[in-house]
Amino acid sequence: ATQDIVKEVQEGKLSVDDITEDVIS
């Protein structure tokens, strides 16, 4: 899940500040 989130941040689909518990879930 962390790898997927990091990839979305790198692609500009998600910002670091957007990473909430709900996003991780």
PDBML (XML) file of the C-alpha atoms, coordinates in Angstrom:
<?xml version="1.0" encoding="UTF-8" ?>
<PDBx:datablock datablockName="MODEL"
   xmlns:PDBx="http://pdbml.pdb.org/schema/pdbx-v50.xsd"
   xmlns:xsi="http://www.w3.org/2001/XMLSchema-instance"
   xsi:schemaLocation="http://pdbml.pdb.org/schema/pdbx-v50.xsd pdbx-v50.xsd">
   <PDBx:atom_siteCategory>
      <PDBx:atom_site id="1">
         <PDBx:B_iso_or_equiv>0.00</PDBx:B_iso_or_equiv>
         <PDBx:Cartn_x>0.000</PDBx:Cartn_x>
         <PDBx:Cartn_y>0.000</PDBx:Cartn_y>
         <PDBx:Cartn_z>0.000</PDBx:Cartn_z>
         <PDBx:auth_asym_id>A</PDBx:auth_asym_id>
         <PDBx:auth_atom_id>CA</PDBx:auth_atom_id>
         <PDBx:auth_comp_id>ALA</PDBx:auth_comp_id>
         <PDBx:auth_seq_id>1</PDBx:auth_seq_id>
         <PDBx:group_PDB>ATOM</PDBx:group_PDB>
         <PDBx:label_alt_id xsi:nil="true" />
         <PDBx:label_asym_id>A</PDBx:label_asym_id>
         <PDBx:label_atom_id>CA</PDBx:label_atom_id>
         <PDBx:label_comp_id>ALA</PDBx:label_comp_id>
         <PDBx:label_entity_id>1</PDBx:label_entity_id>
         <PDBx:label_seq_id>1</PDBx:label_seq_id>
         <PDBx:occupancy>1.00</PDBx:occupancy>
         <PDBx:pdbx_PDB_model_num>1</PDBx:pdbx_PDB_model_num>
         <PDBx:type_symbol>C</PDBx:type_symbol>
      </PDBx:atom_site>
      <PDBx:atom_site id="2">
         <PDBx:B_iso_or_equiv>0.00</PDBx:B_iso_or_equiv>
         <PDBx:Cartn_x>2.862</PDBx:Cartn_x>
         <PDBx:Cartn_y>2.377</PDBx:Cartn_y>
         <PDBx:Cartn_z>0.832</PDBx:Cartn_z>
         <PDBx:auth_asym_id>A</PDBx:auth_asym_id>
         <PDBx:auth_atom_id>CA</PDBx:auth_atom_id>
         <PDBx:auth_comp_id>THR</PDBx:auth_comp_id>
         <PDBx:auth_seq_id>2</PDBx:auth_seq_id>
         <PDBx:group_PDB>ATOM</PDBx:group_PDB>
         <PDBx:label_alt_id xsi:nil="true" />
         <PDBx:label_asym_id>A</PDBx:label_asym_id>
         <PDBx:label_atom_id>CA</PDBx:label_atom_id>
         <PDBx:label_comp_id>THR</PDBx:label_comp_id>
         <PDBx:label_entity_id>1</PDBx:label_entity_id>
         <PDBx:label_seq_id>2</PDBx:label_seq_id>
         <PDBx:occupancy>1.00</PDBx:occupancy>
         <PDBx:pdbx_PDB_model_num>1</PDBx:pdbx_PDB_model_num>
         <PDBx:type_symbol>C</PDBx:type_symbol>
      </PDBx:atom_site>
      <PDBx:atom_site id="3">
         <PDBx:B_iso_or_equiv>0.00</PDBx:B_iso_or_equiv>
         <PDBx:Cartn_x>4.493</PDBx:Cartn_x>
         <PDBx:Cartn_y>1.730</PDBx:Cartn_y>
         <PDBx:Cartn_z>-2.528</PDBx:Cartn_z>
         <PDBx:auth_asym_id>A</PDBx:auth_asym_id>
         <PDBx:auth_atom_id>CA</PDBx:auth_atom_id>
         <PDBx:auth_comp_id>GLN</PDBx:auth_comp_id>
         <PDBx:auth_seq_id>3</PDBx:auth_seq_id>
         <PDBx:group_PDB>ATOM</PDBx:group_PDB>
         <PDBx:label_alt_id xsi:nil="true" />
         <PDBx:label_asym_id>A</PDBx:label_asym_id>
         <PDBx:label_atom_id>CA</PDBx:label_atom_id>
         <PDBx:label_comp_id>GLN</PDBx:label_comp_id>
         <PDBx:label_entity_id>1</PDBx:label_entity_id>
         <PDBx:label_seq_id>3</PDBx:label_seq_id>
         <PDBx:occupancy>1.00</PDBx:occupancy>
         <PDBx:pdbx_PDB_model_num>1</PDBx:pdbx_PDB_model_num>
         <PDBx:type_symbol>C</PDBx:type_symbol>
      </PDBx:atom_site>
      <PDBx:atom_site id="4">
         <PDBx:B_iso_or_equiv>0.00</PDBx:B_iso_or_equiv>
         <PDBx:Cartn_x>1.217</PDBx:Cartn_x>
         <PDBx:Cartn_y>2.533</PDBx:Cartn_y>
         <PDBx:Cartn_z>-4.304</PDBx:Cartn_z>
         <PDBx:auth_asym_id>A</PDBx:auth_asym_id>
         <PDBx:auth_atom_id>CA</PDBx:auth_atom_id>
         <PDBx:auth_comp_id>ASP</PDBx:auth_comp_id>
         <PDBx:auth_seq_id>4</PDBx:auth_seq_id>
         <PDBx:group_PDB>ATOM</PDBx:group_PDB>
         <PDBx:label_alt_id xsi:nil="true" />
         <PDBx:label_asym_id>A</PDBx:label_asym_id>
         <PDBx:label_atom_id>CA</PDBx:label_atom_id>
         <PDBx:label_comp_id>ASP</PDBx:label_comp_id>
         <PDBx:label_entity_id>1</PDBx:label_entity_id>
         <PDBx:label_seq_id>4</PDBx:label_seq_id>
         <PDBx:occupancy>1.00</PDBx:occupancy>
         <PDBx:pdbx_PDB_model_num>1</PDBx:pdbx_PDB_model_num>
         <PDBx:type_symbol>C</PDBx:type_symbol>
      </PDBx:atom_site>
      <PDBx:atom_site id="5">
         <PDBx:B_iso_or_equiv>0.00</PDBx:B_iso_or_equiv>
         <PDBx:Cartn_x>0.783</PDBx:Cartn_x>
         <PDBx:Cartn_y>5.755</PDBx:Cartn_y>
         <PDBx:Cartn_z>-2.327</PDBx:Cartn_z>
         <PDBx:auth_asym_id>A</PDBx:auth_asym_id>
         <PDBx:auth_atom_id>CA</PDBx:auth_atom_id>
         <PDBx:auth_comp_id>ILE</PDBx:auth_comp_id>
         <PDBx:auth_seq_id>5</PDBx:auth_seq_id>
         <PDBx:group_PDB>ATOM</PDBx:group_PDB>
         <PDBx:label_alt_id xsi:nil="true" />
         <PDBx:label_asym_id>A</PDBx:label_asym_id>
         <PDBx:label_atom_id>CA</PDBx:label_atom_id>
         <PDBx:label_comp_id>ILE</PDBx:label_comp_id>
         <PDBx:label_entity_id>1</PDBx:label_entity_id>
         <PDBx:label_seq_id>5</PDBx:label_seq_id>
         <PDBx:occupancy>1.00</PDBx:occupancy>
         <PDBx:pdbx_PDB_model_num>1</PDBx:pdbx_PDB_model_num>
         <PDBx:type_symbol>C</PDBx:type_symbol>
      </PDBx:atom_site>
      <PDBx:atom_site id="6">
         <PDBx:B_iso_or_equiv>0.00</PDBx:B_iso_or_equiv>
         <PDBx:Cartn_x>4.380</PDBx:Cartn_x>
         <PDBx:Cartn_y>6.841</PDBx:Cartn_y>
         <PDBx:Cartn_z>-2.997</PDBx:Cartn_z>
         <PDBx:auth_asym_id>A</PDBx:auth_asym_id>
         <PDBx:auth_atom_id>CA</PDBx:auth_atom_id>
         <PDBx:auth_comp_id>VAL</PDBx:auth_comp_id>
         <PDBx:auth_seq_id>6</PDBx:auth_seq_id>
         <PDBx:group_PDB>ATOM</PDBx:group_PDB>
         <PDBx:label_alt_id xsi:nil="true" />
         <PDBx:label_asym_id>A</PDBx:label_asym_id>
         <PDBx:label_atom_id>CA</PDBx:label_atom_id>
         <PDBx:label_comp_id>VAL</PDBx:label_comp_id>
         <PDBx:label_entity_id>1</PDBx:label_entity_id>
         <PDBx:label_seq_id>6</PDBx:label_seq_id>
         <PDBx:occupancy>1.00</PDBx:occupancy>
         <PDBx:pdbx_PDB_model_num>1</PDBx:pdbx_PDB_model_num>
         <PDBx:type_symbol>C</PDBx:type_symbol>
      </PDBx:atom_site>
      <PDBx:atom_site id="7">
         <PDBx:B_iso_or_equiv>0.00</PDBx:B_iso_or_equiv>
         <PDBx:Cartn_x>3.868</PDBx:Cartn_x>
         <PDBx:Cartn_y>6.200</PDBx:Cartn_y>
         <PDBx:Cartn_z>-6.704</PDBx:Cartn_z>
         <PDBx:auth_asym_id>A</PDBx:auth_asym_id>
         <PDBx:auth_atom_id>CA</PDBx:auth_atom_id>
         <PDBx:auth_comp_id>LYS</PDBx:auth_comp_id>
         <PDBx:auth_seq_id>7</PDBx:auth_seq_id>
         <PDBx:group_PDB>ATOM</PDBx:group_PDB>
         <PDBx:label_alt_id xsi:nil="true" />
         <PDBx:label_asym_id>A</PDBx:label_asym_id>
         <PDBx:label_atom_id>CA</PDBx:label_atom_id>
         <PDBx:label_comp_id>LYS</PDBx:label_comp_id>
         <PDBx:label_entity_id>1</PDBx:label_entity_id>
         <PDBx:label_seq_id>7</PDBx:label_seq_id>
         <PDBx:occupancy>1.00</PDBx:occupancy>
         <PDBx:pdbx_PDB_model_num>1</PDBx:pdbx_PDB_model_num>
         <PDBx:type_symbol>C</PDBx:type_symbol>
      </PDBx:atom_site>
      <PDBx:atom_site id="8">
         <PDBx:B_iso_or_equiv>0.00</PDBx:B_iso_or_equiv>
         <PDBx:Cartn_x>0.740</PDBx:Cartn_x>
         <PDBx:Cartn_y>8.375</PDBx:Cartn_y>
         <PDBx:Cartn_z>-6.695</PDBx:Cartn_z>
         <PDBx:auth_asym_id>A</PDBx:auth_asym_id>
         <PDBx:auth_atom_id>CA</PDBx:auth_atom_id>
         <PDBx:auth_comp_id>GLU</PDBx:auth_comp_id>
         <PDBx:auth_seq_id>8</PDBx:auth_seq_id>
         <PDBx:group_PDB>ATOM</PDBx:group_PDB>
         <PDBx:label_alt_id xsi:nil="true" />
         <PDBx:label_asym_id>A</PDBx:label_asym_id>
         <PDBx:label_atom_id>CA</PDBx:label_atom_id>
         <PDBx:label_comp_id>GLU</PDBx:label_comp_id>
         <PDBx:label_entity_id>1</PDBx:label_entity_id>
         <PDBx:label_seq_id>8</PDBx:label_seq_id>
         <PDBx:occupancy>1.00</PDBx:occupancy>
         <PDBx:pdbx_PDB_model_num>1</PDBx:pdbx_PDB_model_num>
         <PDBx:type_symbol>C</PDBx:type_symbol>
      </PDBx:atom_site>
      <PDBx:atom_site id="9">
         <PDBx:B_iso_or_equiv>0.00</PDBx:B_iso_or_equiv>
         <PDBx:Cartn_x>2.656</PDBx:Cartn_x>
         <PDBx:Cartn_y>11.166</PDBx:Cartn_y>
         <PDBx:Cartn_z>-4.943</PDBx:Cartn_z>
         <PDBx:auth_asym_id>A</PDBx:auth_asym_id>
         <PDBx:auth_atom_id>CA</PDBx:auth_atom_id>
         <PDBx:auth_comp_id>VAL</PDBx:auth_comp_id>
         <PDBx:auth_seq_id>9</PDBx:auth_seq_id>
         <PDBx:group_PDB>ATOM</PDBx:group_PDB>
         <PDBx:label_alt_id xsi:nil="true" />
         <PDBx:label_asym_id>A</PDBx:label_asym_id>
         <PDBx:label_atom_id>CA</PDBx:label_atom_id>
         <PDBx:label_comp_id>VAL</PDBx:label_comp_id>
         <PDBx:label_entity_id>1</PDBx:label_entity_id>
         <PDBx:label_seq_id>9</PDBx:label_seq_id>
         <PDBx:occupancy>1.00</PDBx:occupancy>
         <PDBx:pdbx_PDB_model_num>1</PDBx:pdbx_PDB_model_num>
         <PDBx:type_symbol>C</PDBx:type_symbol>
      </PDBx:atom_site>
      <PDBx:atom_site id="10">
         <PDBx:B_iso_or_equiv>0.00</PDBx:B_iso_or_equiv>
         <PDBx:Cartn_x>5.480</PDBx:Cartn_x>
         <PDBx:Cartn_y>10.917</PDBx:Cartn_y>
         <PDBx:Cartn_z>-7.489</PDBx:Cartn_z>
         <PDBx:auth_asym_id>A</PDBx:auth_asym_id>
         <PDBx:auth_atom_id>CA</PDBx:auth_atom_id>
         <PDBx:auth_comp_id>GLN</PDBx:auth_comp_id>
         <PDBx:auth_seq_id>10</PDBx:auth_seq_id>
         <PDBx:group_PDB>ATOM</PDBx:group_PDB>
         <PDBx:label_alt_id xsi:nil="true" />
         <PDBx:label_asym_id>A</PDBx:label_asym_id>
         <PDBx:label_atom_id>CA</PDBx:label_atom_id>
         <PDBx:label_comp_id>GLN</PDBx:label_comp_id>
         <PDBx:label_entity_id>1</PDBx:label_entity_id>
         <PDBx:label_seq_id>10</PDBx:label_seq_id>
         <PDBx:occupancy>1.00</PDBx:occupancy>
         <PDBx:pdbx_PDB_model_num>1</PDBx:pdbx_PDB_model_num>
         <PDBx:type_symbol>C</PDBx:type_symbol>
      </PDBx:atom_site>
      <PDBx:atom_site id="11">
         <PDBx:B_iso_or_equiv>0.00</PDBx:B_iso_or_equiv>
         <PDBx:Cartn_x>2.957</PDBx:Cartn_x>
         <PDBx:Cartn_y>11.110</PDBx:Cartn_y>
         <PDBx:Cartn_z>-10.333</PDBx:Cartn_z>
         <PDBx:auth_asym_id>A</PDBx:auth_asym_id>
         <PDBx:auth_atom_id>CA</PDBx:auth_atom_id>
         <PDBx:auth_comp_id>GLU</PDBx:auth_comp_id>
         <PDBx:auth_seq_id>11</PDBx:auth_seq_id>
         <PDBx:group_PDB>ATOM</PDBx:group_PDB>
         <PDBx:label_alt_id xsi:nil="true" />
         <PDBx:label_asym_id>A</PDBx:label_asym_id>
         <PDBx:label_atom_id>CA</PDBx:label_atom_id>
         <PDBx:label_comp_id>GLU</PDBx:label_comp_id>
         <PDBx:label_entity_id>1</PDBx:label_entity_id>
         <PDBx:label_seq_id>11</PDBx:label_seq_id>
         <PDBx:occupancy>1.00</PDBx:occupancy>
         <PDBx:pdbx_PDB_model_num>1</PDBx:pdbx_PDB_model_num>
         <PDBx:type_symbol>C</PDBx:type_symbol>
      </PDBx:atom_site>
      <PDBx:atom_site id="12">
         <PDBx:B_iso_or_equiv>0.00</PDBx:B_iso_or_equiv>
         <PDBx:Cartn_x>1.342</PDBx:Cartn_x>
         <PDBx:Cartn_y>14.184</PDBx:Cartn_y>
         <PDBx:Cartn_z>-8.801</PDBx:Cartn_z>
         <PDBx:auth_asym_id>A</PDBx:auth_asym_id>
         <PDBx:auth_atom_id>CA</PDBx:auth_atom_id>
         <PDBx:auth_comp_id>GLY</PDBx:auth_comp_id>
         <PDBx:auth_seq_id>12</PDBx:auth_seq_id>
         <PDBx:group_PDB>ATOM</PDBx:group_PDB>
         <PDBx:label_alt_id xsi:nil="true" />
         <PDBx:label_asym_id>A</PDBx:label_asym_id>
         <PDBx:label_atom_id>CA</PDBx:label_atom_id>
         <PDBx:label_comp_id>GLY</PDBx:label_comp_id>
         <PDBx:label_entity_id>1</PDBx:label_entity_id>
         <PDBx:label_seq_id>12</PDBx:label_seq_id>
         <PDBx:occupancy>1.00</PDBx:occupancy>
         <PDBx:pdbx_PDB_model_num>1</PDBx:pdbx_PDB_model_num>
         <PDBx:type_symbol>C</PDBx:type_symbol>
      </PDBx:atom_site>
      <PDBx:atom_site id="13">
         <PDBx:B_iso_or_equiv>0.00</PDBx:B_iso_or_equiv>
         <PDBx:Cartn_x>-1.983</PDBx:Cartn_x>
         <PDBx:Cartn_y>12.422</PDBx:Cartn_y>
         <PDBx:Cartn_z>-8.158</PDBx:Cartn_z>
         <PDBx:auth_asym_id>A</PDBx:auth_asym_id>
         <PDBx:auth_atom_id>CA</PDBx:auth_atom_id>
         <PDBx:auth_comp_id>LYS</PDBx:auth_comp_id>
         <PDBx:auth_seq_id>13</PDBx:auth_seq_id>
         <PDBx:group_PDB>ATOM</PDBx:group_PDB>
         <PDBx:label_alt_id xsi:nil="true" />
         <PDBx:label_asym_id>A</PDBx:label_asym_id>
         <PDBx:label_atom_id>CA</PDBx:label_atom_id>
         <PDBx:label_comp_id>LYS</PDBx:label_comp_id>
         <PDBx:label_entity_id>1</PDBx:label_entity_id>
         <PDBx:label_seq_id>13</PDBx:label_seq_id>
         <PDBx:occupancy>1.00</PDBx:occupancy>
         <PDBx:pdbx_PDB_model_num>1</PDBx:pdbx_PDB_model_num>
         <PDBx:type_symbol>C</PDBx:type_symbol>
      </PDBx:atom_site>
      <PDBx:atom_site id="14">
         <PDBx:B_iso_or_equiv>0.00</PDBx:B_iso_or_equiv>
         <PDBx:Cartn_x>-1.632</PDBx:Cartn_x>
         <PDBx:Cartn_y>12.841</PDBx:Cartn_y>
         <PDBx:Cartn_z>-4.404</PDBx:Cartn_z>
         <PDBx:auth_asym_id>A</PDBx:auth_asym_id>
         <PDBx:auth_atom_id>CA</PDBx:auth_atom_id>
         <PDBx:auth_comp_id>LEU</PDBx:auth_comp_id>
         <PDBx:auth_seq_id>14</PDBx:auth_seq_id>
         <PDBx:group_PDB>ATOM</PDBx:group_PDB>
         <PDBx:label_alt_id xsi:nil="true" />
         <PDBx:label_asym_id>A</PDBx:label_asym_id>
         <PDBx:label_atom_id>CA</PDBx:label_atom_id>
         <PDBx:label_comp_id>LEU</PDBx:label_comp_id>
         <PDBx:label_entity_id>1</PDBx:label_entity_id>
         <PDBx:label_seq_id>14</PDBx:label_seq_id>
         <PDBx:occupancy>1.00</PDBx:occupancy>
         <PDBx:pdbx_PDB_model_num>1</PDBx:pdbx_PDB_model_num>
         <PDBx:type_symbol>C</PDBx:type_symbol>
      </PDBx:atom_site>
      <PDBx:atom_site id="15">
         <PDBx:B_iso_or_equiv>0.00</PDBx:B_iso_or_equiv>
         <PDBx:Cartn_x>0.187</PDBx:Cartn_x>
         <PDBx:Cartn_y>15.261</PDBx:Cartn_y>
         <PDBx:Cartn_z>-2.130</PDBx:Cartn_z>
         <PDBx:auth_asym_id>A</PDBx:auth_asym_id>
         <PDBx:auth_atom_id>CA</PDBx:auth_atom_id>
         <PDBx:auth_comp_id>SER</PDBx:auth_comp_id>
         <PDBx:auth_seq_id>15</PDBx:auth_seq_id>
         <PDBx:group_PDB>ATOM</PDBx:group_PDB>
         <PDBx:label_alt_id xsi:nil="true" />
         <PDBx:label_asym_id>A</PDBx:label_asym_id>
         <PDBx:label_atom_id>CA</PDBx:label_atom_id>
         <PDBx:label_comp_id>SER</PDBx:label_comp_id>
         <PDBx:label_entity_id>1</PDBx:label_entity_id>
         <PDBx:label_seq_id>15</PDBx:label_seq_id>
         <PDBx:occupancy>1.00</PDBx:occupancy>
         <PDBx:pdbx_PDB_model_num>1</PDBx:pdbx_PDB_model_num>
         <PDBx:type_symbol>C</PDBx:type_symbol>
      </PDBx:atom_site>
      <PDBx:atom_site id="16">
         <PDBx:B_iso_or_equiv>0.00</PDBx:B_iso_or_equiv>
         <PDBx:Cartn_x>1.981</PDBx:Cartn_x>
         <PDBx:Cartn_y>14.250</PDBx:Cartn_y>
         <PDBx:Cartn_z>1.045</PDBx:Cartn_z>
         <PDBx:auth_asym_id>A</PDBx:auth_asym_id>
         <PDBx:auth_atom_id>CA</PDBx:auth_atom_id>
         <PDBx:auth_comp_id>VAL</PDBx:auth_comp_id>
         <PDBx:auth_seq_id>16</PDBx:auth_seq_id>
         <PDBx:group_PDB>ATOM</PDBx:group_PDB>
         <PDBx:label_alt_id xsi:nil="true" />
         <PDBx:label_asym_id>A</PDBx:label_asym_id>
         <PDBx:label_atom_id>CA</PDBx:label_atom_id>
         <PDBx:label_comp_id>VAL</PDBx:label_comp_id>
         <PDBx:label_entity_id>1</PDBx:label_entity_id>
         <PDBx:label_seq_id>16</PDBx:label_seq_id>
         <PDBx:occupancy>1.00</PDBx:occupancy>
         <PDBx:pdbx_PDB_model_num>1</PDBx:pdbx_PDB_model_num>
         <PDBx:type_symbol>C</PDBx:type_symbol>
      </PDBx:atom_site>
      <PDBx:atom_site id="17">
         <PDBx:B_iso_or_equiv>0.00</PDBx:B_iso_or_equiv>
         <PDBx:Cartn_x>-0.469</PDBx:Cartn_x>
         <PDBx:Cartn_y>16.324</PDBx:Cartn_y>
         <PDBx:Cartn_z>3.093</PDBx:Cartn_z>
         <PDBx:auth_asym_id>A</PDBx:auth_asym_id>
         <PDBx:auth_atom_id>CA</PDBx:auth_atom_id>
         <PDBx:auth_comp_id>ASP</PDBx:auth_comp_id>
         <PDBx:auth_seq_id>17</PDBx:auth_seq_id>
         <PDBx:group_PDB>ATOM</PDBx:group_PDB>
         <PDBx:label_alt_id xsi:nil="true" />
         <PDBx:label_asym_id>A</PDBx:label_asym_id>
         <PDBx:label_atom_id>CA</PDBx:label_atom_id>
         <PDBx:label_comp_id>ASP</PDBx:label_comp_id>
         <PDBx:label_entity_id>1</PDBx:label_entity_id>
         <PDBx:label_seq_id>17</PDBx:label_seq_id>
         <PDBx:occupancy>1.00</PDBx:occupancy>
         <PDBx:pdbx_PDB_model_num>1</PDBx:pdbx_PDB_model_num>
         <PDBx:type_symbol>C</PDBx:type_symbol>
      </PDBx:atom_site>
      <PDBx:atom_site id="18">
         <PDBx:B_iso_or_equiv>0.00</PDBx:B_iso_or_equiv>
         <PDBx:Cartn_x>-3.348</PDBx:Cartn_x>
         <PDBx:Cartn_y>14.340</PDBx:Cartn_y>
         <PDBx:Cartn_z>1.602</PDBx:Cartn_z>
         <PDBx:auth_asym_id>A</PDBx:auth_asym_id>
         <PDBx:auth_atom_id>CA</PDBx:auth_atom_id>
         <PDBx:auth_comp_id>ASP</PDBx:auth_comp_id>
         <PDBx:auth_seq_id>18</PDBx:auth_seq_id>
         <PDBx:group_PDB>ATOM</PDBx:group_PDB>
         <PDBx:label_alt_id xsi:nil="true" />
         <PDBx:label_asym_id>A</PDBx:label_asym_id>
         <PDBx:label_atom_id>CA</PDBx:label_atom_id>
         <PDBx:label_comp_id>ASP</PDBx:label_comp_id>
         <PDBx:label_entity_id>1</PDBx:label_entity_id>
         <PDBx:label_seq_id>18</PDBx:label_seq_id>
         <PDBx:occupancy>1.00</PDBx:occupancy>
         <PDBx:pdbx_PDB_model_num>1</PDBx:pdbx_PDB_model_num>
         <PDBx:type_symbol>C</PDBx:type_symbol>
      </PDBx:atom_site>
      <PDBx:atom_site id="19">
         <PDBx:B_iso_or_equiv>0.00</PDBx:B_iso_or_equiv>
         <PDBx:Cartn_x>-2.160</PDBx:Cartn_x>
         <PDBx:Cartn_y>11.068</PDBx:Cartn_y>
         <PDBx:Cartn_z>3.145</PDBx:Cartn_z>
         <PDBx:auth_asym_id>A</PDBx:auth_asym_id>
         <PDBx:auth_atom_id>CA</PDBx:auth_atom_id>
         <PDBx:auth_comp_id>ILE</PDBx:auth_comp_id>
         <PDBx:auth_seq_id>19</PDBx:auth_seq_id>
         <PDBx:group_PDB>ATOM</PDBx:group_PDB>
         <PDBx:label_alt_id xsi:nil="true" />
         <PDBx:label_asym_id>A</PDBx:label_asym_id>
         <PDBx:label_atom_id>CA</PDBx:label_atom_id>
         <PDBx:label_comp_id>ILE</PDBx:label_comp_id>
         <PDBx:label_entity_id>1</PDBx:label_entity_id>
         <PDBx:label_seq_id>19</PDBx:label_seq_id>
         <PDBx:occupancy>1.00</PDBx:occupancy>
         <PDBx:pdbx_PDB_model_num>1</PDBx:pdbx_PDB_model_num>
         <PDBx:type_symbol>C</PDBx:type_symbol>
      </PDBx:atom_site>
      <PDBx:atom_site id="20">
         <PDBx:B_iso_or_equiv>0.00</PDBx:B_iso_or_equiv>
         <PDBx:Cartn_x>-4.677</PDBx:Cartn_x>
         <PDBx:Cartn_y>10.360</PDBx:Cartn_y>
         <PDBx:Cartn_z>5.889</PDBx:Cartn_z>
         <PDBx:auth_asym_id>A</PDBx:auth_asym_id>
         <PDBx:auth_atom_id>CA</PDBx:auth_atom_id>
         <PDBx:auth_comp_id>THR</PDBx:auth_comp_id>
         <PDBx:auth_seq_id>20</PDBx:auth_seq_id>
         <PDBx:group_PDB>ATOM</PDBx:group_PDB>
         <PDBx:label_alt_id xsi:nil="true" />
         <PDBx:label_asym_id>A</PDBx:label_asym_id>
         <PDBx:label_atom_id>CA</PDBx:label_atom_id>
         <PDBx:label_comp_id>THR</PDBx:label_comp_id>
         <PDBx:label_entity_id>1</PDBx:label_entity_id>
         <PDBx:label_seq_id>20</PDBx:label_seq_id>
         <PDBx:occupancy>1.00</PDBx:occupancy>
         <PDBx:pdbx_PDB_model_num>1</PDBx:pdbx_PDB_model_num>
         <PDBx:type_symbol>C</PDBx:type_symbol>
      </PDBx:atom_site>
      <PDBx:atom_site id="21">
         <PDBx:B_iso_or_equiv>0.00</PDBx:B_iso_or_equiv>
         <PDBx:Cartn_x>-5.657</PDBx:Cartn_x>
         <PDBx:Cartn_y>7.155</PDBx:Cartn_y>
         <PDBx:Cartn_z>7.656</PDBx:Cartn_z>
         <PDBx:auth_asym_id>A</PDBx:auth_asym_id>
         <PDBx:auth_atom_id>CA</PDBx:auth_atom_id>
         <PDBx:auth_comp_id>GLU</PDBx:auth_comp_id>
         <PDBx:auth_seq_id>21</PDBx:auth_seq_id>
         <PDBx:group_PDB>ATOM</PDBx:group_PDB>
         <PDBx:label_alt_id xsi:nil="true" />
         <PDBx:label_asym_id>A</PDBx:label_asym_id>
         <PDBx:label_atom_id>CA</PDBx:label_atom_id>
         <PDBx:label_comp_id>GLU</PDBx:label_comp_id>
         <PDBx:label_entity_id>1</PDBx:label_entity_id>
         <PDBx:label_seq_id>21</PDBx:label_seq_id>
         <PDBx:occupancy>1.00</PDBx:occupancy>
         <PDBx:pdbx_PDB_model_num>1</PDBx:pdbx_PDB_model_num>
         <PDBx:type_symbol>C</PDBx:type_symbol>
      </PDBx:atom_site>
      <PDBx:atom_site id="22">
         <PDBx:B_iso_or_equiv>0.00</PDBx:B_iso_or_equiv>
         <PDBx:Cartn_x>-8.575</PDBx:Cartn_x>
         <PDBx:Cartn_y>6.891</PDBx:Cartn_y>
         <PDBx:Cartn_z>5.231</PDBx:Cartn_z>
         <PDBx:auth_asym_id>A</PDBx:auth_asym_id>
         <PDBx:auth_atom_id>CA</PDBx:auth_atom_id>
         <PDBx:auth_comp_id>ASP</PDBx:auth_comp_id>
         <PDBx:auth_seq_id>22</PDBx:auth_seq_id>
         <PDBx:group_PDB>ATOM</PDBx:group_PDB>
         <PDBx:label_alt_id xsi:nil="true" />
         <PDBx:label_asym_id>A</PDBx:label_asym_id>
         <PDBx:label_atom_id>CA</PDBx:label_atom_id>
         <PDBx:label_comp_id>ASP</PDBx:label_comp_id>
         <PDBx:label_entity_id>1</PDBx:label_entity_id>
         <PDBx:label_seq_id>22</PDBx:label_seq_id>
         <PDBx:occupancy>1.00</PDBx:occupancy>
         <PDBx:pdbx_PDB_model_num>1</PDBx:pdbx_PDB_model_num>
         <PDBx:type_symbol>C</PDBx:type_symbol>
      </PDBx:atom_site>
      <PDBx:atom_site id="23">
         <PDBx:B_iso_or_equiv>0.00</PDBx:B_iso_or_equiv>
         <PDBx:Cartn_x>-6.207</PDBx:Cartn_x>
         <PDBx:Cartn_y>7.135</PDBx:Cartn_y>
         <PDBx:Cartn_z>2.272</PDBx:Cartn_z>
         <PDBx:auth_asym_id>A</PDBx:auth_asym_id>
         <PDBx:auth_atom_id>CA</PDBx:auth_atom_id>
         <PDBx:auth_comp_id>VAL</PDBx:auth_comp_id>
         <PDBx:auth_seq_id>23</PDBx:auth_seq_id>
         <PDBx:group_PDB>ATOM</PDBx:group_PDB>
         <PDBx:label_alt_id xsi:nil="true" />
         <PDBx:label_asym_id>A</PDBx:label_asym_id>
         <PDBx:label_atom_id>CA</PDBx:label_atom_id>
         <PDBx:label_comp_id>VAL</PDBx:label_comp_id>
         <PDBx:label_entity_id>1</PDBx:label_entity_id>
         <PDBx:label_seq_id>23</PDBx:label_seq_id>
         <PDBx:occupancy>1.00</PDBx:occupancy>
         <PDBx:pdbx_PDB_model_num>1</PDBx:pdbx_PDB_model_num>
         <PDBx:type_symbol>C</PDBx:type_symbol>
      </PDBx:atom_site>
      <PDBx:atom_site id="24">
         <PDBx:B_iso_or_equiv>0.00</PDBx:B_iso_or_equiv>
         <PDBx:Cartn_x>-4.035</PDBx:Cartn_x>
         <PDBx:Cartn_y>4.367</PDBx:Cartn_y>
         <PDBx:Cartn_z>3.687</PDBx:Cartn_z>
         <PDBx:auth_asym_id>A</PDBx:auth_asym_id>
         <PDBx:auth_atom_id>CA</PDBx:auth_atom_id>
         <PDBx:auth_comp_id>ILE</PDBx:auth_comp_id>
         <PDBx:auth_seq_id>24</PDBx:auth_seq_id>
         <PDBx:group_PDB>ATOM</PDBx:group_PDB>
         <PDBx:label_alt_id xsi:nil="true" />
         <PDBx:label_asym_id>A</PDBx:label_asym_id>
         <PDBx:label_atom_id>CA</PDBx:label_atom_id>
         <PDBx:label_comp_id>ILE</PDBx:label_comp_id>
         <PDBx:label_entity_id>1</PDBx:label_entity_id>
         <PDBx:label_seq_id>24</PDBx:label_seq_id>
         <PDBx:occupancy>1.00</PDBx:occupancy>
         <PDBx:pdbx_PDB_model_num>1</PDBx:pdbx_PDB_model_num>
         <PDBx:type_symbol>C</PDBx:type_symbol>
      </PDBx:atom_site>
      <PDBx:atom_site id="25">
         <PDBx:B_iso_or_equiv>0.00</PDBx:B_iso_or_equiv>
         <PDBx:Cartn_x>-7.093</PDBx:Cartn_x>
         <PDBx:Cartn_y>2.182</PDBx:Cartn_y>
         <PDBx:Cartn_z>4.338</PDBx:Cartn_z>
         <PDBx:auth_asym_id>A</PDBx:auth_asym_id>
         <PDBx:auth_atom_id>CA</PDBx:auth_atom_id>
         <PDBx:auth_comp_id>SER</PDBx:auth_comp_id>
         <PDBx:auth_seq_id>25</PDBx:auth_seq_id>
         <PDBx:group_PDB>ATOM</PDBx:group_PDB>
         <PDBx:label_alt_id xsi:nil="true" />
         <PDBx:label_asym_id>A</PDBx:label_asym_id>
         <PDBx:label_atom_id>CA</PDBx:label_atom_id>
         <PDBx:label_comp_id>SER</PDBx:label_comp_id>
         <PDBx:label_entity_id>1</PDBx:label_entity_id>
         <PDBx:label_seq_id>25</PDBx:label_seq_id>
         <PDBx:occupancy>1.00</PDBx:occupancy>
         <PDBx:pdbx_PDB_model_num>1</PDBx:pdbx_PDB_model_num>
         <PDBx:type_symbol>C</PDBx:type_symbol>
      </PDBx:atom_site>
   </PDBx:atom_siteCategory>
</PDBx:datablock>
